[in-house]
């Protein structure tokens, strides 16, 4: 799974887990990609939420099945917050 983030790679690296430096690659001075392939669903969900906290726009390039499972997980969080 690849995530394109509209933030500089340095800012994303400073925010994400310290074991991910090899997975963040700059596109230009204002955007980068983050590779999250091979991680478990709980780990991918955690990383996506970490990226959301950056307050930067991002897109997820993943298979529909993974996108659906992420959507379901994140909606569980939103439902808890709504109750």
PDB file of N, CA and C in Angstrom:
ATOM      1  N   UNK A   1       0.846  -1.169   0.000  1.00  0.00           N
ATOM      2  CA  UNK A   1       0.000   0.000   0.000  1.00  0.00           C
ATOM      3  C   UNK A   1       0.891   1.230   0.000  1.00  0.00           C
ATOM      4  N   UNK A   2       0.547   2.167  -0.855  1.00  0.00           N
ATOM      5  CA  UNK A   2       1.324   3.411  -0.920  1.00  0.00           C
ATOM      6  C   UNK A   2       0.413   4.588  -0.567  1.00  0.00           C
ATOM      7  N   UNK A   3       0.947   5.469   0.261  1.00  0.00           N
ATOM      8  CA  UNK A   3       0.233   6.683   0.644  1.00  0.00           C
ATOM      9  C   UNK A   3       1.022   7.865   0.110  1.00  0.00           C
ATOM     10  N   UNK A   4       0.348   8.764  -0.597  1.00  0.00           N
ATOM     11  CA  UNK A   4       0.968   9.998  -1.055  1.00  0.00           C
ATOM     12  C   UNK A   4       0.513  11.105  -0.123  1.00  0.00           C
ATOM     13  N   UNK A   5       1.479  11.785   0.492  1.00  0.00           N
ATOM     14  CA  UNK A   5       1.189  12.806   1.500  1.00  0.00           C
ATOM     15  C   UNK A   5       1.623  14.163   0.968  1.00  0.00           C
ATOM     16  N   UNK A   6       0.751  15.147   1.118  1.00  0.00           N
ATOM     17  CA  UNK A   6       1.063  16.512   0.702  1.00  0.00           C
ATOM     18  C   UNK A   6       1.769  17.241   1.839  1.00  0.00           C
ATOM     19  N   UNK A   7       2.950  16.728   2.173  1.00  0.00           N
ATOM     20  CA  UNK A   7       3.819  17.305   3.201  1.00  0.00           C
ATOM     21  C   UNK A   7       5.246  16.879   2.883  1.00  0.00           C
ATOM     22  N   UNK A   8       6.225  17.678   3.275  1.00  0.00           N
ATOM     23  CA  UNK A   8       7.613  17.303   3.007  1.00  0.00           C
ATOM     24  C   UNK A   8       7.994  15.992   3.700  1.00  0.00           C
ATOM     25  N   UNK A   9       8.866  15.238   3.064  1.00  0.00           N
ATOM     26  CA  UNK A   9       9.298  13.951   3.613  1.00  0.00           C
ATOM     27  C   UNK A   9       9.879  14.112   5.020  1.00  0.00           C
ATOM     28  N   UNK A  10      10.650  15.164   5.264  1.00  0.00           N
ATOM     29  CA  UNK A  10      11.233  15.375   6.592  1.00  0.00           C
ATOM     30  C   UNK A  10      10.167  15.523   7.666  1.00  0.00           C
ATOM     31  N   UNK A  11       9.098  16.231   7.351  1.00  0.00           N
ATOM     32  CA  UNK A  11       8.012  16.421   8.320  1.00  0.00           C
ATOM     33  C   UNK A  11       7.304  15.098   8.597  1.00  0.00           C
ATOM     34  N   UNK A  12       7.110  14.306   7.561  1.00  0.00           N
ATOM     35  CA  UNK A  12       6.450  13.011   7.725  1.00  0.00           C
ATOM     36  C   UNK A  12       7.352  12.073   8.526  1.00  0.00           C
ATOM     37  N   UNK A  13       8.638  12.048   8.197  1.00  0.00           N
ATOM     38  CA  UNK A  13       9.581  11.203   8.939  1.00  0.00           C
ATOM     39  C   UNK A  13       9.640  11.573  10.416  1.00  0.00           C
ATOM     40  N   UNK A  14       9.603  12.841  10.715  1.00  0.00           N
ATOM     41  CA  UNK A  14       9.665  13.287  12.114  1.00  0.00           C
ATOM     42  C   UNK A  14       8.419  12.866  12.879  1.00  0.00           C
ATOM     43  N   UNK A  15       7.323  12.673  12.169  1.00  0.00           N
ATOM     44  CA  UNK A  15       6.047  12.366  12.810  1.00  0.00           C
ATOM     45  C   UNK A  15       5.793  10.863  12.955  1.00  0.00           C
ATOM     46  N   UNK A  16       6.264  10.063  12.008  1.00  0.00           N
ATOM     47  CA  UNK A  16       5.985   8.636  12.011  1.00  0.00           C
ATOM     48  C   UNK A  16       6.928   7.867  12.920  1.00  0.00           C
ATOM     49  N   UNK A  17       6.584   6.626  13.138  1.00  0.00           N
ATOM     50  CA  UNK A  17       7.395   5.703  13.941  1.00  0.00           C
ATOM     51  C   UNK A  17       8.836   5.712  13.454  1.00  0.00           C
ATOM     52  N   UNK A  18       9.808   5.700  14.357  1.00  0.00           N
ATOM     53  CA  UNK A  18      11.223   5.792  13.944  1.00  0.00           C
ATOM     54  C   UNK A  18      11.733   4.630  13.095  1.00  0.00           C
ATOM     55  N   UNK A  19      10.998   3.534  13.020  1.00  0.00           N
ATOM     56  CA  UNK A  19      11.458   2.402  12.213  1.00  0.00           C
ATOM     57  C   UNK A  19      11.027   2.482  10.752  1.00  0.00           C
ATOM     58  N   UNK A  20      10.443   3.608  10.342  1.00  0.00           N
ATOM     59  CA  UNK A  20       9.941   3.738   8.978  1.00  0.00           C
ATOM     60  C   UNK A  20      10.778   4.585   8.028  1.00  0.00           C
ATOM     61  N   UNK A  21      11.998   4.969   8.357  1.00  0.00           N
ATOM     62  CA  UNK A  21      12.694   5.905   7.464  1.00  0.00           C
ATOM     63  C   UNK A  21      12.887   5.392   6.043  1.00  0.00           C
ATOM     64  N   UNK A  22      13.069   4.107   5.863  1.00  0.00           N
ATOM     65  CA  UNK A  22      13.255   3.558   4.525  1.00  0.00           C
ATOM     66  C   UNK A  22      11.980   3.508   3.722  1.00  0.00           C
ATOM     67  N   UNK A  23      10.859   3.799   4.336  1.00  0.00           N
ATOM     68  CA  UNK A  23       9.575   3.716   3.657  1.00  0.00           C
ATOM     69  C   UNK A  23       9.041   5.079   3.211  1.00  0.00           C
ATOM     70  N   UNK A  24       9.740   6.146   3.552  1.00  0.00           N
ATOM     71  CA  UNK A  24       9.301   7.496   3.176  1.00  0.00           C
ATOM     72  C   UNK A  24      10.240   8.027   2.090  1.00  0.00           C
ATOM     73  N   UNK A  25       9.655   8.434   0.967  1.00  0.00           N
ATOM     74  CA  UNK A  25      10.464   8.936  -0.145  1.00  0.00           C
ATOM     75  C   UNK A  25       9.899  10.261  -0.636  1.00  0.00           C
ATOM     76  N   UNK A  26      10.749  11.265  -0.787  1.00  0.00           N
ATOM     77  CA  UNK A  26      10.256  12.549  -1.291  1.00  0.00           C
ATOM     78  C   UNK A  26       9.829  12.447  -2.752  1.00  0.00           C
ATOM     79  N   UNK A  27       8.789  13.174  -3.100  1.00  0.00           N
ATOM     80  CA  UNK A  27       8.383  13.351  -4.493  1.00  0.00           C
ATOM     81  C   UNK A  27       8.961  14.678  -4.966  1.00  0.00           C
ATOM     82  N   UNK A  28       8.752  15.705  -4.140  1.00  0.00           N
ATOM     83  CA  UNK A  28       9.311  17.034  -4.369  1.00  0.00           C
ATOM     84  C   UNK A  28       9.437  17.703  -3.002  1.00  0.00           C
ATOM     85  N   UNK A  29       9.639  18.997  -2.947  1.00  0.00           N
ATOM     86  CA  UNK A  29       9.823  19.685  -1.665  1.00  0.00           C
ATOM     87  C   UNK A  29       8.558  19.724  -0.811  1.00  0.00           C
ATOM     88  N   UNK A  30       7.403  19.430  -1.406  1.00  0.00           N
ATOM     89  CA  UNK A  30       6.133  19.600  -0.693  1.00  0.00           C
ATOM     90  C   UNK A  30       5.316  18.322  -0.561  1.00  0.00           C
ATOM     91  N   UNK A  31       5.838  17.192  -1.041  1.00  0.00           N
ATOM     92  CA  UNK A  31       5.080  15.944  -0.955  1.00  0.00           C
ATOM     93  C   UNK A  31       6.023  14.742  -0.931  1.00  0.00           C
ATOM     94  N   UNK A  32       5.467  13.617  -0.484  1.00  0.00           N
ATOM     95  CA  UNK A  32       6.263  12.396  -0.396  1.00  0.00           C
ATOM     96  C   UNK A  32       5.333  11.182  -0.457  1.00  0.00           C
ATOM     97  N   UNK A  33       5.934  10.007  -0.571  1.00  0.00           N
ATOM     98  CA  UNK A  33       5.177   8.769  -0.501  1.00  0.00           C
ATOM     99  C   UNK A  33       5.637   7.986   0.718  1.00  0.00           C
ATOM    100  N   UNK A  34       4.708   7.202   1.256  1.00  0.00           N
ATOM    101  CA  UNK A  34       5.002   6.314   2.378  1.00  0.00           C
ATOM    102  C   UNK A  34       4.535   4.923   1.968  1.00  0.00           C
ATOM    103  N   UNK A  35       5.431   3.952   2.006  1.00  0.00           N
ATOM    104  CA  UNK A  35       5.104   2.567   1.682  1.00  0.00           C
ATOM    105  C   UNK A  35       4.702   1.843   2.960  1.00  0.00           C
ATOM    106  N   UNK A  36       3.510   1.261   2.974  1.00  0.00           N
ATOM    107  CA  UNK A  36       3.040   0.552   4.159  1.00  0.00           C
ATOM    108  C   UNK A  36       2.755  -0.914   3.863  1.00  0.00           C
ATOM    109  N   UNK A  37       3.221  -1.435   2.745  1.00  0.00           N
ATOM    110  CA  UNK A  37       2.969  -2.816   2.375  1.00  0.00           C
ATOM    111  C   UNK A  37       3.606  -3.806   3.334  1.00  0.00           C
ATOM    112  N   UNK A  38       2.931  -4.933   3.520  1.00  0.00           N
ATOM    113  CA  UNK A  38       3.466  -6.000   4.349  1.00  0.00           C
ATOM    114  C   UNK A  38       3.120  -5.881   5.814  1.00  0.00           C
ATOM    115  N   UNK A  39       2.563  -4.761   6.235  1.00  0.00           N
ATOM    116  CA  UNK A  39       2.174  -4.587   7.624  1.00  0.00           C
ATOM    117  C   UNK A  39       0.803  -5.217   7.860  1.00  0.00           C
ATOM    118  N   UNK A  40       0.509  -5.522   9.108  1.00  0.00           N
ATOM    119  CA  UNK A  40      -0.799  -6.054   9.466  1.00  0.00           C
ATOM    120  C   UNK A  40      -1.833  -4.934   9.441  1.00  0.00           C
ATOM    121  N   UNK A  41      -3.108  -5.303   9.399  1.00  0.00           N
ATOM    122  CA  UNK A  41      -4.170  -4.299   9.367  1.00  0.00           C
ATOM    123  C   UNK A  41      -4.112  -3.362  10.575  1.00  0.00           C
ATOM    124  N   UNK A  42      -3.892  -3.856  11.797  1.00  0.00           N
ATOM    125  CA  UNK A  42      -3.782  -2.920  12.923  1.00  0.00           C
ATOM    126  C   UNK A  42      -2.633  -1.930  12.769  1.00  0.00           C
ATOM    127  N   UNK A  43      -1.514  -2.371  12.233  1.00  0.00           N
ATOM    128  CA  UNK A  43      -0.371  -1.474  12.050  1.00  0.00           C
ATOM    129  C   UNK A  43      -0.661  -0.457  10.956  1.00  0.00           C
ATOM    130  N   UNK A  44      -1.238  -0.900   9.848  1.00  0.00           N
ATOM    131  CA  UNK A  44      -1.577   0.022   8.760  1.00  0.00           C
ATOM    132  C   UNK A  44      -2.584   1.054   9.255  1.00  0.00           C
ATOM    133  N   UNK A  45      -3.572   0.615  10.020  1.00  0.00           N
ATOM    134  CA  UNK A  45      -4.569   1.542  10.565  1.00  0.00           C
ATOM    135  C   UNK A  45      -3.898   2.588  11.444  1.00  0.00           C
ATOM    136  N   UNK A  46      -2.986   2.151  12.291  1.00  0.00           N
ATOM    137  CA  UNK A  46      -2.261   3.079  13.171  1.00  0.00           C
ATOM    138  C   UNK A  46      -1.475   4.093  12.355  1.00  0.00           C
ATOM    139  N   UNK A  47      -0.795   3.643  11.305  1.00  0.00           N
ATOM    140  CA  UNK A  47      -0.002   4.548  10.472  1.00  0.00           C
ATOM    141  C   UNK A  47      -0.896   5.562   9.747  1.00  0.00           C
ATOM    142  N   UNK A  48      -2.042   5.108   9.243  1.00  0.00           N
ATOM    143  CA  UNK A  48      -2.958   6.019   8.560  1.00  0.00           C
ATOM    144  C   UNK A  48      -3.457   7.076   9.541  1.00  0.00           C
ATOM    145  N   UNK A  49      -3.788   6.668  10.756  1.00  0.00           N
ATOM    146  CA  UNK A  49      -4.224   7.642  11.759  1.00  0.00           C
ATOM    147  C   UNK A  49      -3.095   8.604  12.117  1.00  0.00           C
ATOM    148  N   UNK A  50      -1.863   8.109  12.179  1.00  0.00           N
ATOM    149  CA  UNK A  50      -0.717   8.993  12.433  1.00  0.00           C
ATOM    150  C   UNK A  50      -0.578  10.023  11.325  1.00  0.00           C
ATOM    151  N   UNK A  51      -0.795   9.596  10.086  1.00  0.00           N
ATOM    152  CA  UNK A  51      -0.720  10.535   8.965  1.00  0.00           C
ATOM    153  C   UNK A  51      -1.862  11.552   9.027  1.00  0.00           C
ATOM    154  N   UNK A  52      -3.030  11.122   9.465  1.00  0.00           N
ATOM    155  CA  UNK A  52      -4.168  12.039   9.573  1.00  0.00           C
ATOM    156  C   UNK A  52      -3.888  13.153  10.573  1.00  0.00           C
ATOM    157  N   UNK A  53      -3.130  12.868  11.615  1.00  0.00           N
ATOM    158  CA  UNK A  53      -2.811  13.855  12.641  1.00  0.00           C
ATOM    159  C   UNK A  53      -1.884  14.945  12.092  1.00  0.00           C
ATOM    160  N   UNK A  54      -1.178  14.650  11.025  1.00  0.00           N
ATOM    161  CA  UNK A  54      -0.290  15.646  10.401  1.00  0.00           C
ATOM    162  C   UNK A  54      -1.058  16.840   9.850  1.00  0.00           C
ATOM    163  N   UNK A  55      -2.340  16.688   9.657  1.00  0.00           N
ATOM    164  CA  UNK A  55      -3.176  17.746   9.080  1.00  0.00           C
ATOM    165  C   UNK A  55      -2.697  18.121   7.675  1.00  0.00           C
ATOM    166  N   UNK A  56      -2.315  17.086   6.929  1.00  0.00           N
ATOM    167  CA  UNK A  56      -1.914  17.257   5.533  1.00  0.00           C
ATOM    168  C   UNK A  56      -2.809  16.346   4.687  1.00  0.00           C
ATOM    169  N   UNK A  57      -3.115  16.779   3.496  1.00  0.00           N
ATOM    170  CA  UNK A  57      -3.908  15.929   2.610  1.00  0.00           C
ATOM    171  C   UNK A  57      -3.086  14.716   2.204  1.00  0.00           C
ATOM    172  N   UNK A  58      -3.759  13.572   2.069  1.00  0.00           N
ATOM    173  CA  UNK A  58      -3.075  12.379   1.589  1.00  0.00           C
ATOM    174  C   UNK A  58      -4.054  11.482   0.859  1.00  0.00           C
ATOM    175  N   UNK A  59      -3.510  10.644  -0.026  1.00  0.00           N
ATOM    176  CA  UNK A  59      -4.304   9.665  -0.756  1.00  0.00           C
ATOM    177  C   UNK A  59      -3.704   8.290  -0.522  1.00  0.00           C
ATOM    178  N   UNK A  60      -4.562   7.289  -0.556  1.00  0.00           N
ATOM    179  CA  UNK A  60      -4.129   5.915  -0.324  1.00  0.00           C
ATOM    180  C   UNK A  60      -4.309   5.131  -1.610  1.00  0.00           C
ATOM    181  N   UNK A  61      -3.234   4.500  -2.051  1.00  0.00           N
ATOM    182  CA  UNK A  61      -3.257   3.636  -3.228  1.00  0.00           C
ATOM    183  C   UNK A  61      -3.151   2.200  -2.717  1.00  0.00           C
ATOM    184  N   UNK A  62      -4.299   1.517  -2.665  1.00  0.00           N
ATOM    185  CA  UNK A  62      -4.326   0.154  -2.132  1.00  0.00           C
ATOM    186  C   UNK A  62      -5.431  -0.631  -2.828  1.00  0.00           C
ATOM    187  N   UNK A  63      -5.377  -1.934  -2.679  1.00  0.00           N
ATOM    188  CA  UNK A  63      -6.430  -2.780  -3.219  1.00  0.00           C
ATOM    189  C   UNK A  63      -7.748  -2.460  -2.524  1.00  0.00           C
ATOM    190  N   UNK A  64      -8.848  -2.645  -3.244  1.00  0.00           N
ATOM    191  CA  UNK A  64     -10.162  -2.326  -2.692  1.00  0.00           C
ATOM    192  C   UNK A  64     -10.436  -3.053  -1.386  1.00  0.00           C
ATOM    193  N   UNK A  65     -10.010  -4.306  -1.269  1.00  0.00           N
ATOM    194  CA  UNK A  65     -10.247  -5.083  -0.052  1.00  0.00           C
ATOM    195  C   UNK A  65      -9.592  -4.410   1.157  1.00  0.00           C
ATOM    196  N   UNK A  66      -8.357  -3.982   0.993  1.00  0.00           N
ATOM    197  CA  UNK A  66      -7.654  -3.315   2.093  1.00  0.00           C
ATOM    198  C   UNK A  66      -8.303  -1.968   2.401  1.00  0.00           C
ATOM    199  N   UNK A  67      -8.670  -1.231   1.387  1.00  0.00           N
ATOM    200  CA  UNK A  67      -9.347   0.049   1.600  1.00  0.00           C
ATOM    201  C   UNK A  67     -10.660  -0.156   2.362  1.00  0.00           C
ATOM    202  N   UNK A  68     -11.407  -1.206   2.010  1.00  0.00           N
ATOM    203  CA  UNK A  68     -12.665  -1.494   2.705  1.00  0.00           C
ATOM    204  C   UNK A  68     -12.420  -1.853   4.172  1.00  0.00           C
ATOM    205  N   UNK A  69     -11.394  -2.646   4.441  1.00  0.00           N
ATOM    206  CA  UNK A  69     -11.098  -3.013   5.830  1.00  0.00           C
ATOM    207  C   UNK A  69     -10.634  -1.809   6.633  1.00  0.00           C
ATOM    208  N   UNK A  70      -9.834  -0.945   6.022  1.00  0.00           N
ATOM    209  CA  UNK A  70      -9.422   0.295   6.695  1.00  0.00           C
ATOM    210  C   UNK A  70     -10.629   1.180   6.980  1.00  0.00           C
ATOM    211  N   UNK A  71     -11.494   1.313   6.006  1.00  0.00           N
ATOM    212  CA  UNK A  71     -12.702   2.118   6.153  1.00  0.00           C
ATOM    213  C   UNK A  71     -13.534   1.607   7.336  1.00  0.00           C
ATOM    214  N   UNK A  72     -13.693   0.304   7.425  1.00  0.00           N
ATOM    215  CA  UNK A  72     -14.460  -0.299   8.513  1.00  0.00           C
ATOM    216  C   UNK A  72     -13.815  -0.022   9.869  1.00  0.00           C
ATOM    217  N   UNK A  73     -12.493  -0.192   9.945  1.00  0.00           N
ATOM    218  CA  UNK A  73     -11.770   0.052  11.199  1.00  0.00           C
ATOM    219  C   UNK A  73     -11.892   1.496  11.656  1.00  0.00           C
ATOM    220  N   UNK A  74     -11.704   2.404  10.734  1.00  0.00           N
ATOM    221  CA  UNK A  74     -11.736   3.826  11.092  1.00  0.00           C
ATOM    222  C   UNK A  74     -13.160   4.251  11.456  1.00  0.00           C
ATOM    223  N   UNK A  75     -14.152   3.651  10.812  1.00  0.00           N
ATOM    224  CA  UNK A  75     -15.533   3.950  11.200  1.00  0.00           C
ATOM    225  C   UNK A  75     -15.834   3.442  12.607  1.00  0.00           C
ATOM    226  N   UNK A  76     -15.212   2.348  13.027  1.00  0.00           N
ATOM    227  CA  UNK A  76     -15.379   1.876  14.394  1.00  0.00           C
ATOM    228  C   UNK A  76     -14.898   2.942  15.380  1.00  0.00           C
ATOM    229  N   UNK A  77     -13.770   3.557  15.062  1.00  0.00           N
ATOM    230  CA  UNK A  77     -13.234   4.628  15.917  1.00  0.00           C
ATOM    231  C   UNK A  77     -14.197   5.808  15.937  1.00  0.00           C
ATOM    232  N   UNK A  78     -14.677   6.201  14.774  1.00  0.00           N
ATOM    233  CA  UNK A  78     -15.614   7.332  14.698  1.00  0.00           C
ATOM    234  C   UNK A  78     -16.906   7.041  15.449  1.00  0.00           C
ATOM    235  N   UNK A  79     -17.397   5.805  15.377  1.00  0.00           N
ATOM    236  CA  UNK A  79     -18.609   5.448  16.113  1.00  0.00           C
ATOM    237  C   UNK A  79     -18.407   5.563  17.619  1.00  0.00           C
ATOM    238  N   UNK A  80     -17.242   5.166  18.104  1.00  0.00           N
ATOM    239  CA  UNK A  80     -16.947   5.273  19.531  1.00  0.00           C
ATOM    240  C   UNK A  80     -16.911   6.739  19.946  1.00  0.00           C
ATOM    241  N   UNK A  81     -16.335   7.576  19.117  1.00  0.00           N
ATOM    242  CA  UNK A  81     -16.252   8.985  19.421  1.00  0.00           C
ATOM    243  C   UNK A  81     -17.621   9.673  19.371  1.00  0.00           C
ATOM    244  N   UNK A  82     -18.531   9.141  18.583  1.00  0.00           N
ATOM    245  CA  UNK A  82     -19.858   9.733  18.434  1.00  0.00           C
ATOM    246  C   UNK A  82     -20.815   9.365  19.560  1.00  0.00           C
ATOM    247  N   UNK A  83     -20.505   8.297  20.270  1.00  0.00           N
ATOM    248  CA  UNK A  83     -21.443   7.848  21.315  1.00  0.00           C
ATOM    249  C   UNK A  83     -21.165   8.446  22.665  1.00  0.00           C
TER     250      UNK A  83
END
